[in-house]
Amino acid sequence: GDWMTEDFVPFTVTLEEADFGNAEGGTLVLKKDNPS
């Protein structure tokens, strides 16, 4: 949706072609974009 707001905006992402190697677990990090 329109991200040029201070309101909540839905998001999605698919981990297509992700390779986790032999790792059993870890952390998903959703990082605020910081162009500055």
PDB file of all heavy atoms in Angstrom:
ATOM      1  N   GLY A   1       0.848  -1.186   0.000  1.00  0.00           N
ATOM      2  CA  GLY A   1       0.000   0.000   0.000  1.00  0.00           C
ATOM      3  C   GLY A   1       0.880   1.232   0.000  1.00  0.00           C
ATOM      4  O   GLY A   1       2.102   1.143  -0.162  1.00  0.00           O
ATOM      5  N   ASP A   2       0.265   2.384   0.182  1.00  0.00           N
ATOM      6  CA  ASP A   2       0.990   3.649   0.200  1.00  0.00           C
ATOM      7  C   ASP A   2       1.846   3.731   1.458  1.00  0.00           C
ATOM      8  O   ASP A   2       1.317   3.820   2.560  1.00  0.00           O
ATOM      9  CB  ASP A   2       0.006   4.817   0.140  1.00  0.00           C
ATOM     10  CG  ASP A   2       0.694   6.168   0.131  1.00  0.00           C
ATOM     11  OD1 ASP A   2       1.932   6.223  -0.035  1.00  0.00           O
ATOM     12  OD2 ASP A   2      -0.012   7.179   0.299  1.00  0.00           O
ATOM     13  N   TRP A   3       3.156   3.701   1.295  1.00  0.00           N
ATOM     14  CA  TRP A   3       4.067   3.723   2.445  1.00  0.00           C
ATOM     15  C   TRP A   3       4.405   5.146   2.883  1.00  0.00           C
ATOM     16  O   TRP A   3       5.066   5.342   3.888  1.00  0.00           O
ATOM     17  CB  TRP A   3       5.349   2.954   2.112  1.00  0.00           C
ATOM     18  CG  TRP A   3       6.119   3.568   0.983  1.00  0.00           C
ATOM     19  CD1 TRP A   3       5.920   3.371  -0.351  1.00  0.00           C
ATOM     20  CD2 TRP A   3       7.184   4.502   1.080  1.00  0.00           C
ATOM     21  NE1 TRP A   3       6.793   4.121  -1.086  1.00  0.00           N
ATOM     22  CE2 TRP A   3       7.593   4.838  -0.215  1.00  0.00           C
ATOM     23  CE3 TRP A   3       7.834   5.114   2.156  1.00  0.00           C
ATOM     24  CZ2 TRP A   3       8.611   5.736  -0.496  1.00  0.00           C
ATOM     25  CZ3 TRP A   3       8.867   6.010   1.894  1.00  0.00           C
ATOM     26  CH2 TRP A   3       9.240   6.314   0.584  1.00  0.00           C
ATOM     27  N   MET A   4       3.943   6.140   2.155  1.00  0.00           N
ATOM     28  CA  MET A   4       4.245   7.538   2.485  1.00  0.00           C
ATOM     29  C   MET A   4       3.247   8.040   3.533  1.00  0.00           C
ATOM     30  O   MET A   4       2.467   8.958   3.301  1.00  0.00           O
ATOM     31  CB  MET A   4       4.189   8.400   1.223  1.00  0.00           C
ATOM     32  CG  MET A   4       5.109   7.939   0.125  1.00  0.00           C
ATOM     33  SD  MET A   4       6.722   8.703   0.075  1.00  0.00           S
ATOM     34  CE  MET A   4       6.397  10.423   0.109  1.00  0.00           C
ATOM     35  N   THR A   5       3.282   7.408   4.699  1.00  0.00           N
ATOM     36  CA  THR A   5       2.371   7.701   5.790  1.00  0.00           C
ATOM     37  C   THR A   5       3.058   7.341   7.099  1.00  0.00           C
ATOM     38  O   THR A   5       4.071   6.637   7.090  1.00  0.00           O
ATOM     39  CB  THR A   5       1.059   6.896   5.636  1.00  0.00           C
ATOM     40  OG1 THR A   5       0.208   7.182   6.748  1.00  0.00           O
ATOM     41  CG2 THR A   5       1.325   5.396   5.581  1.00  0.00           C
ATOM     42  N   GLU A   6       2.511   7.798   8.202  1.00  0.00           N
ATOM     43  CA  GLU A   6       3.003   7.362   9.505  1.00  0.00           C
ATOM     44  C   GLU A   6       2.129   6.240  10.064  1.00  0.00           C
ATOM     45  O   GLU A   6       2.404   5.718  11.135  1.00  0.00           O
ATOM     46  CB  GLU A   6       3.069   8.546  10.461  1.00  0.00           C
ATOM     47  CG  GLU A   6       4.162   9.533  10.063  1.00  0.00           C
ATOM     48  CD  GLU A   6       4.373  10.643  11.078  1.00  0.00           C
ATOM     49  OE1 GLU A   6       3.796  10.584  12.177  1.00  0.00           O
ATOM     50  OE2 GLU A   6       5.137  11.564  10.753  1.00  0.00           O
ATOM     51  N   ASP A   7       1.071   5.872   9.327  1.00  0.00           N
ATOM     52  CA  ASP A   7       0.183   4.787   9.734  1.00  0.00           C
ATOM     53  C   ASP A   7       0.824   3.439   9.414  1.00  0.00           C
ATOM     54  O   ASP A   7       1.840   3.375   8.726  1.00  0.00           O
ATOM     55  CB  ASP A   7      -1.162   4.898   9.013  1.00  0.00           C
ATOM     56  CG  ASP A   7      -1.943   6.134   9.434  1.00  0.00           C
ATOM     57  OD1 ASP A   7      -1.772   6.579  10.591  1.00  0.00           O
ATOM     58  OD2 ASP A   7      -2.716   6.642   8.604  1.00  0.00           O
ATOM     59  N   PHE A   8       0.171   2.363   9.870  1.00  0.00           N
ATOM     60  CA  PHE A   8       0.645   1.023   9.552  1.00  0.00           C
ATOM     61  C   PHE A   8       0.318   0.683   8.099  1.00  0.00           C
ATOM     62  O   PHE A   8      -0.760   1.019   7.606  1.00  0.00           O
ATOM     63  CB  PHE A   8       0.012  -0.021  10.483  1.00  0.00           C
ATOM     64  CG  PHE A   8       0.693  -0.098  11.817  1.00  0.00           C
ATOM     65  CD1 PHE A   8       0.166   0.550  12.915  1.00  0.00           C
ATOM     66  CD2 PHE A   8       1.868  -0.815  11.970  1.00  0.00           C
ATOM     67  CE1 PHE A   8       0.791   0.478  14.157  1.00  0.00           C
ATOM     68  CE2 PHE A   8       2.509  -0.899  13.203  1.00  0.00           C
ATOM     69  CZ  PHE A   8       1.968  -0.246  14.293  1.00  0.00           C
ATOM     70  N   VAL A   9       1.268   0.024   7.438  1.00  0.00           N
ATOM     71  CA  VAL A   9       1.134  -0.392   6.046  1.00  0.00           C
ATOM     72  C   VAL A   9       1.457  -1.890   5.993  1.00  0.00           C
ATOM     73  O   VAL A   9       2.494  -2.315   6.501  1.00  0.00           O
ATOM     74  CB  VAL A   9       2.129   0.384   5.146  1.00  0.00           C
ATOM     75  CG1 VAL A   9       2.023  -0.072   3.704  1.00  0.00           C
ATOM     76  CG2 VAL A   9       1.929   1.882   5.282  1.00  0.00           C
ATOM     77  N   PRO A  10       0.596  -2.711   5.384  1.00  0.00           N
ATOM     78  CA  PRO A  10       0.895  -4.145   5.264  1.00  0.00           C
ATOM     79  C   PRO A  10       2.137  -4.378   4.403  1.00  0.00           C
ATOM     80  O   PRO A  10       2.415  -3.602   3.475  1.00  0.00           O
ATOM     81  CB  PRO A  10      -0.341  -4.730   4.578  1.00  0.00           C
ATOM     82  CG  PRO A  10      -1.393  -3.701   4.686  1.00  0.00           C
ATOM     83  CD  PRO A  10      -0.700  -2.380   4.806  1.00  0.00           C
ATOM     84  N   PHE A  11       2.877  -5.456   4.707  1.00  0.00           N
ATOM     85  CA  PHE A  11       4.040  -5.834   3.902  1.00  0.00           C
ATOM     86  C   PHE A  11       4.070  -7.349   3.751  1.00  0.00           C
ATOM     87  O   PHE A  11       3.479  -8.075   4.547  1.00  0.00           O
ATOM     88  CB  PHE A  11       5.359  -5.353   4.516  1.00  0.00           C
ATOM     89  CG  PHE A  11       5.697  -6.007   5.821  1.00  0.00           C
ATOM     90  CD1 PHE A  11       6.316  -7.259   5.869  1.00  0.00           C
ATOM     91  CD2 PHE A  11       5.401  -5.379   7.021  1.00  0.00           C
ATOM     92  CE1 PHE A  11       6.631  -7.866   7.078  1.00  0.00           C
ATOM     93  CE2 PHE A  11       5.711  -5.972   8.236  1.00  0.00           C
ATOM     94  CZ  PHE A  11       6.327  -7.227   8.261  1.00  0.00           C
ATOM     95  N   THR A  12       4.764  -7.810   2.708  1.00  0.00           N
ATOM     96  CA  THR A  12       5.015  -9.234   2.520  1.00  0.00           C
ATOM     97  C   THR A  12       6.387  -9.422   1.895  1.00  0.00           C
ATOM     98  O   THR A  12       6.931  -8.515   1.268  1.00  0.00           O
ATOM     99  CB  THR A  12       3.979  -9.917   1.585  1.00  0.00           C
ATOM    100  OG1 THR A  12       4.042  -9.293   0.308  1.00  0.00           O
ATOM    101  CG2 THR A  12       2.581  -9.838   2.137  1.00  0.00           C
ATOM    102  N   VAL A  13       6.927 -10.609   2.081  1.00  0.00           N
ATOM    103  CA  VAL A  13       8.166 -11.026   1.424  1.00  0.00           C
ATOM    104  C   VAL A  13       8.206 -12.548   1.463  1.00  0.00           C
ATOM    105  O   VAL A  13       7.787 -13.167   2.443  1.00  0.00           O
ATOM    106  CB  VAL A  13       9.424 -10.412   2.090  1.00  0.00           C
ATOM    107  CG1 VAL A  13       9.530 -10.806   3.544  1.00  0.00           C
ATOM    108  CG2 VAL A  13      10.675 -10.776   1.339  1.00  0.00           C
ATOM    109  N   THR A  14       8.651 -13.159   0.374  1.00  0.00           N
ATOM    110  CA  THR A  14       8.849 -14.608   0.314  1.00  0.00           C
ATOM    111  C   THR A  14      10.344 -14.864   0.246  1.00  0.00           C
ATOM    112  O   THR A  14      11.058 -14.168  -0.471  1.00  0.00           O
ATOM    113  CB  THR A  14       8.156 -15.213  -0.925  1.00  0.00           C
ATOM    114  OG1 THR A  14       6.776 -14.849  -0.878  1.00  0.00           O
ATOM    115  CG2 THR A  14       8.272 -16.726  -0.936  1.00  0.00           C
ATOM    116  N   LEU A  15      10.814 -15.841   0.991  1.00  0.00           N
ATOM    117  CA  LEU A  15      12.249 -16.151   1.044  1.00  0.00           C
ATOM    118  C   LEU A  15      12.667 -17.062  -0.102  1.00  0.00           C
ATOM    119  O   LEU A  15      13.343 -18.061   0.103  1.00  0.00           O
ATOM    120  CB  LEU A  15      12.590 -16.791   2.390  1.00  0.00           C
ATOM    121  CG  LEU A  15      12.255 -15.966   3.617  1.00  0.00           C
ATOM    122  CD1 LEU A  15      12.624 -16.735   4.870  1.00  0.00           C
ATOM    123  CD2 LEU A  15      12.968 -14.630   3.583  1.00  0.00           C
ATOM    124  N   GLU A  16      12.255 -16.715  -1.310  1.00  0.00           N
ATOM    125  CA  GLU A  16      12.581 -17.521  -2.485  1.00  0.00           C
ATOM    126  C   GLU A  16      14.082 -17.718  -2.605  1.00  0.00           C
ATOM    127  O   GLU A  16      14.850 -16.768  -2.471  1.00  0.00           O
ATOM    128  CB  GLU A  16      12.039 -16.857  -3.746  1.00  0.00           C
ATOM    129  CG  GLU A  16      10.529 -16.761  -3.764  1.00  0.00           C
ATOM    130  CD  GLU A  16      10.021 -16.027  -4.984  1.00  0.00           C
ATOM    131  OE1 GLU A  16      10.662 -16.099  -6.042  1.00  0.00           O
ATOM    132  OE2 GLU A  16       8.979 -15.369  -4.843  1.00  0.00           O
ATOM    133  N   GLU A  17      14.465 -18.961  -2.846  1.00  0.00           N
ATOM    134  CA  GLU A  17      15.862 -19.334  -3.050  1.00  0.00           C
ATOM    135  C   GLU A  17      16.742 -19.133  -1.824  1.00  0.00           C
ATOM    136  O   GLU A  17      17.964 -19.073  -1.928  1.00  0.00           O
ATOM    137  CB  GLU A  17      16.437 -18.613  -4.265  1.00  0.00           C
ATOM    138  CG  GLU A  17      15.678 -18.937  -5.543  1.00  0.00           C
ATOM    139  CD  GLU A  17      16.285 -18.296  -6.767  1.00  0.00           C
ATOM    140  OE1 GLU A  17      17.507 -18.109  -6.799  1.00  0.00           O
ATOM    141  OE2 GLU A  17      15.518 -18.003  -7.688  1.00  0.00           O
ATOM    142  N   ALA A  18      16.129 -19.004  -0.636  1.00  0.00           N
ATOM    143  CA  ALA A  18      16.916 -18.891   0.585  1.00  0.00           C
ATOM    144  C   ALA A  18      17.620 -20.214   0.868  1.00  0.00           C
ATOM    145  O   ALA A  18      17.064 -21.281   0.652  1.00  0.00           O
ATOM    146  CB  ALA A  18      16.023 -18.519   1.768  1.00  0.00           C
ATOM    147  N   ASP A  19      18.842 -20.129   1.324  1.00  0.00           N
ATOM    148  CA  ASP A  19      19.613 -21.322   1.681  1.00  0.00           C
ATOM    149  C   ASP A  19      20.080 -21.154   3.119  1.00  0.00           C
ATOM    150  O   ASP A  19      20.881 -20.267   3.410  1.00  0.00           O
ATOM    151  CB  ASP A  19      20.803 -21.483   0.737  1.00  0.00           C
ATOM    152  CG  ASP A  19      21.613 -22.742   1.024  1.00  0.00           C
ATOM    153  OD1 ASP A  19      21.249 -23.500   1.951  1.00  0.00           O
ATOM    154  OD2 ASP A  19      22.607 -22.953   0.317  1.00  0.00           O
ATOM    155  N   PHE A  20      19.554 -21.989   4.007  1.00  0.00           N
ATOM    156  CA  PHE A  20      19.898 -21.897   5.422  1.00  0.00           C
ATOM    157  C   PHE A  20      21.057 -22.806   5.791  1.00  0.00           C
ATOM    158  O   PHE A  20      21.410 -22.920   6.968  1.00  0.00           O
ATOM    159  CB  PHE A  20      18.675 -22.213   6.284  1.00  0.00           C
ATOM    160  CG  PHE A  20      17.451 -21.422   5.920  1.00  0.00           C
ATOM    161  CD1 PHE A  20      16.243 -22.047   5.664  1.00  0.00           C
ATOM    162  CD2 PHE A  20      17.497 -20.038   5.825  1.00  0.00           C
ATOM    163  CE1 PHE A  20      15.112 -21.326   5.329  1.00  0.00           C
ATOM    164  CE2 PHE A  20      16.372 -19.302   5.492  1.00  0.00           C
ATOM    165  CZ  PHE A  20      15.179 -19.942   5.239  1.00  0.00           C
ATOM    166  N   GLY A  21      21.645 -23.464   4.794  1.00  0.00           N
ATOM    167  CA  GLY A  21      22.761 -24.370   5.058  1.00  0.00           C
ATOM    168  C   GLY A  21      22.340 -25.470   6.008  1.00  0.00           C
ATOM    169  O   GLY A  21      21.244 -26.001   5.917  1.00  0.00           O
ATOM    170  N   ASN A  22      23.195 -25.784   6.950  1.00  0.00           N
ATOM    171  CA  ASN A  22      22.908 -26.825   7.945  1.00  0.00           C
ATOM    172  C   ASN A  22      22.348 -26.255   9.244  1.00  0.00           C
ATOM    173  O   ASN A  22      22.173 -26.988  10.209  1.00  0.00           O
ATOM    174  CB  ASN A  22      24.173 -27.629   8.250  1.00  0.00           C
ATOM    175  CG  ASN A  22      24.654 -28.405   7.048  1.00  0.00           C
ATOM    176  OD1 ASN A  22      23.854 -28.840   6.225  1.00  0.00           O
ATOM    177  ND2 ASN A  22      25.966 -28.579   6.925  1.00  0.00           N
ATOM    178  N   ALA A  23      22.093 -24.961   9.256  1.00  0.00           N
ATOM    179  CA  ALA A  23      21.612 -24.321  10.486  1.00  0.00           C
ATOM    180  C   ALA A  23      20.230 -24.844  10.855  1.00  0.00           C
ATOM    181  O   ALA A  23      19.376 -25.058   9.991  1.00  0.00           O
ATOM    182  CB  ALA A  23      21.565 -22.806  10.299  1.00  0.00           C
ATOM    183  N   GLU A  24      20.016 -25.074  12.132  1.00  0.00           N
ATOM    184  CA  GLU A  24      18.722 -25.544  12.613  1.00  0.00           C
ATOM    185  C   GLU A  24      17.813 -24.387  12.993  1.00  0.00           C
ATOM    186  O   GLU A  24      16.598 -24.507  12.946  1.00  0.00           O
ATOM    187  CB  GLU A  24      18.907 -26.469  13.810  1.00  0.00           C
ATOM    188  CG  GLU A  24      19.600 -27.769  13.444  1.00  0.00           C
ATOM    189  CD  GLU A  24      19.756 -28.682  14.644  1.00  0.00           C
ATOM    190  OE1 GLU A  24      19.116 -28.433  15.691  1.00  0.00           O
ATOM    191  OE2 GLU A  24      20.519 -29.647  14.535  1.00  0.00           O
ATOM    192  N   GLY A  25      18.412 -23.285  13.407  1.00  0.00           N
ATOM    193  CA  GLY A  25      17.620 -22.138  13.827  1.00  0.00           C
ATOM    194  C   GLY A  25      18.452 -20.883  13.849  1.00  0.00           C
ATOM    195  O   GLY A  25      19.665 -20.915  13.653  1.00  0.00           O
ATOM    196  N   GLY A  26      17.777 -19.779  14.056  1.00  0.00           N
ATOM    197  CA  GLY A  26      18.467 -18.497  14.086  1.00  0.00           C
ATOM    198  C   GLY A  26      17.481 -17.372  14.309  1.00  0.00           C
ATOM    199  O   GLY A  26      16.523 -17.522  15.077  1.00  0.00           O
ATOM    200  N   THR A  27      17.690 -16.274  13.570  1.00  0.00           N
ATOM    201  CA  THR A  27      16.890 -15.083  13.789  1.00  0.00           C
ATOM    202  C   THR A  27      16.471 -14.476  12.458  1.00  0.00           C
ATOM    203  O   THR A  27      17.284 -14.340  11.544  1.00  0.00           O
ATOM    204  CB  THR A  27      17.699 -14.030  14.585  1.00  0.00           C
ATOM    205  OG1 THR A  27      18.175 -14.631  15.789  1.00  0.00           O
ATOM    206  CG2 THR A  27      16.846 -12.829  14.939  1.00  0.00           C
ATOM    207  N   LEU A  28      15.202 -14.104  12.387  1.00  0.00           N
ATOM    208  CA  LEU A  28      14.680 -13.315  11.277  1.00  0.00           C
ATOM    209  C   LEU A  28      14.758 -11.865  11.724  1.00  0.00           C
ATOM    210  O   LEU A  28      14.208 -11.503  12.767  1.00  0.00           O
ATOM    211  CB  LEU A  28      13.228 -13.720  10.997  1.00  0.00           C
ATOM    212  CG  LEU A  28      12.478 -12.870   9.986  1.00  0.00           C
ATOM    213  CD1 LEU A  28      13.088 -13.029   8.596  1.00  0.00           C
ATOM    214  CD2 LEU A  28      11.000 -13.228   9.989  1.00  0.00           C
ATOM    215  N   VAL A  29      15.451 -11.033  10.954  1.00  0.00           N
ATOM    216  CA  VAL A  29      15.645  -9.628  11.312  1.00  0.00           C
ATOM    217  C   VAL A  29      14.918  -8.763  10.285  1.00  0.00           C
ATOM    218  O   VAL A  29      15.239  -8.801   9.101  1.00  0.00           O
ATOM    219  CB  VAL A  29      17.140  -9.251  11.347  1.00  0.00           C
ATOM    220  CG1 VAL A  29      17.310  -7.795  11.771  1.00  0.00           C
ATOM    221  CG2 VAL A  29      17.914 -10.187  12.265  1.00  0.00           C
ATOM    222  N   LEU A  30      13.932  -8.007  10.751  1.00  0.00           N
ATOM    223  CA  LEU A  30      13.218  -7.064   9.897  1.00  0.00           C
ATOM    224  C   LEU A  30      13.757  -5.684  10.257  1.00  0.00           C
ATOM    225  O   LEU A  30      13.466  -5.154  11.334  1.00  0.00           O
ATOM    226  CB  LEU A  30      11.713  -7.173  10.119  1.00  0.00           C
ATOM    227  CG  LEU A  30      11.192  -8.545   9.712  1.00  0.00           C
ATOM    228  CD1 LEU A  30      10.858  -9.367  10.930  1.00  0.00           C
ATOM    229  CD2 LEU A  30      10.017  -8.410   8.798  1.00  0.00           C
ATOM    230  N   LYS A  31      14.573  -5.154   9.378  1.00  0.00           N
ATOM    231  CA  LYS A  31      15.363  -3.965   9.683  1.00  0.00           C
ATOM    232  C   LYS A  31      14.721  -2.701   9.115  1.00  0.00           C
ATOM    233  O   LYS A  31      14.319  -2.676   7.952  1.00  0.00           O
ATOM    234  CB  LYS A  31      16.764  -4.156   9.090  1.00  0.00           C
ATOM    235  CG  LYS A  31      17.747  -3.141   9.534  1.00  0.00           C
ATOM    236  CD  LYS A  31      19.144  -3.514   9.100  1.00  0.00           C
ATOM    237  CE  LYS A  31      20.059  -2.404   9.528  1.00  0.00           C
ATOM    238  NZ  LYS A  31      21.430  -2.715   9.455  1.00  0.00           N
ATOM    239  N   LYS A  32      14.612  -1.684   9.928  1.00  0.00           N
ATOM    240  CA  LYS A  32      14.119  -0.395   9.451  1.00  0.00           C
ATOM    241  C   LYS A  32      15.089   0.100   8.384  1.00  0.00           C
ATOM    242  O   LYS A  32      16.307   0.087   8.590  1.00  0.00           O
ATOM    243  CB  LYS A  32      14.041   0.604  10.606  1.00  0.00           C
ATOM    244  CG  LYS A  32      13.570   1.978  10.171  1.00  0.00           C
ATOM    245  CD  LYS A  32      13.546   2.945  11.332  1.00  0.00           C
ATOM    246  CE  LYS A  32      13.115   4.315  10.861  1.00  0.00           C
ATOM    247  NZ  LYS A  32      13.253   5.314  11.927  1.00  0.00           N
ATOM    248  N   ASP A  33      14.544   0.515   7.244  1.00  0.00           N
ATOM    249  CA  ASP A  33      15.419   1.044   6.199  1.00  0.00           C
ATOM    250  C   ASP A  33      15.961   2.389   6.675  1.00  0.00           C
ATOM    251  O   ASP A  33      15.211   3.233   7.152  1.00  0.00           O
ATOM    252  CB  ASP A  33      14.675   1.199   4.877  1.00  0.00           C
ATOM    253  CG  ASP A  33      15.612   1.093   3.698  1.00  0.00           C
ATOM    254  OD1 ASP A  33      16.774   1.530   3.821  1.00  0.00           O
ATOM    255  OD2 ASP A  33      15.203   0.566   2.653  1.00  0.00           O
ATOM    256  N   ASN A  34      17.258   2.565   6.570  1.00  0.00           N
ATOM    257  CA  ASN A  34      17.928   3.749   7.094  1.00  0.00           C
ATOM    258  C   ASN A  34      18.861   4.323   6.030  1.00  0.00           C
ATOM    259  O   ASN A  34      20.071   4.136   6.100  1.00  0.00           O
ATOM    260  CB  ASN A  34      18.699   3.369   8.366  1.00  0.00           C
ATOM    261  CG  ASN A  34      19.444   4.552   8.960  1.00  0.00           C
ATOM    262  OD1 ASN A  34      19.242   5.699   8.584  1.00  0.00           O
ATOM    263  ND2 ASN A  34      20.331   4.264   9.891  1.00  0.00           N
ATOM    264  N   PRO A  35      18.313   5.020   5.030  1.00  0.00           N
ATOM    265  CA  PRO A  35      19.166   5.545   3.968  1.00  0.00           C
ATOM    266  C   PRO A  35      20.159   6.604   4.456  1.00  0.00           C
ATOM    267  O   PRO A  35      21.165   6.833   3.804  1.00  0.00           O
ATOM    268  CB  PRO A  35      18.180   6.137   2.959  1.00  0.00           C
ATOM    269  CG  PRO A  35      16.944   6.403   3.734  1.00  0.00           C
ATOM    270  CD  PRO A  35      16.904   5.376   4.828  1.00  0.00           C
ATOM    271  N   SER A  36      19.906   7.201   5.620  1.00  0.00           N
ATOM    272  CA  SER A  36      20.826   8.214   6.140  1.00  0.00           C
ATOM    273  C   SER A  36      22.125   7.581   6.627  1.00  0.00           C
ATOM    274  O   SER A  36      23.158   8.239   6.662  1.00  0.00           O
ATOM    275  CB  SER A  36      20.180   8.984   7.296  1.00  0.00           C
ATOM    276  OG  SER A  36      20.068   8.160   8.448  1.00  0.00           O
TER     277      SER A  36
END
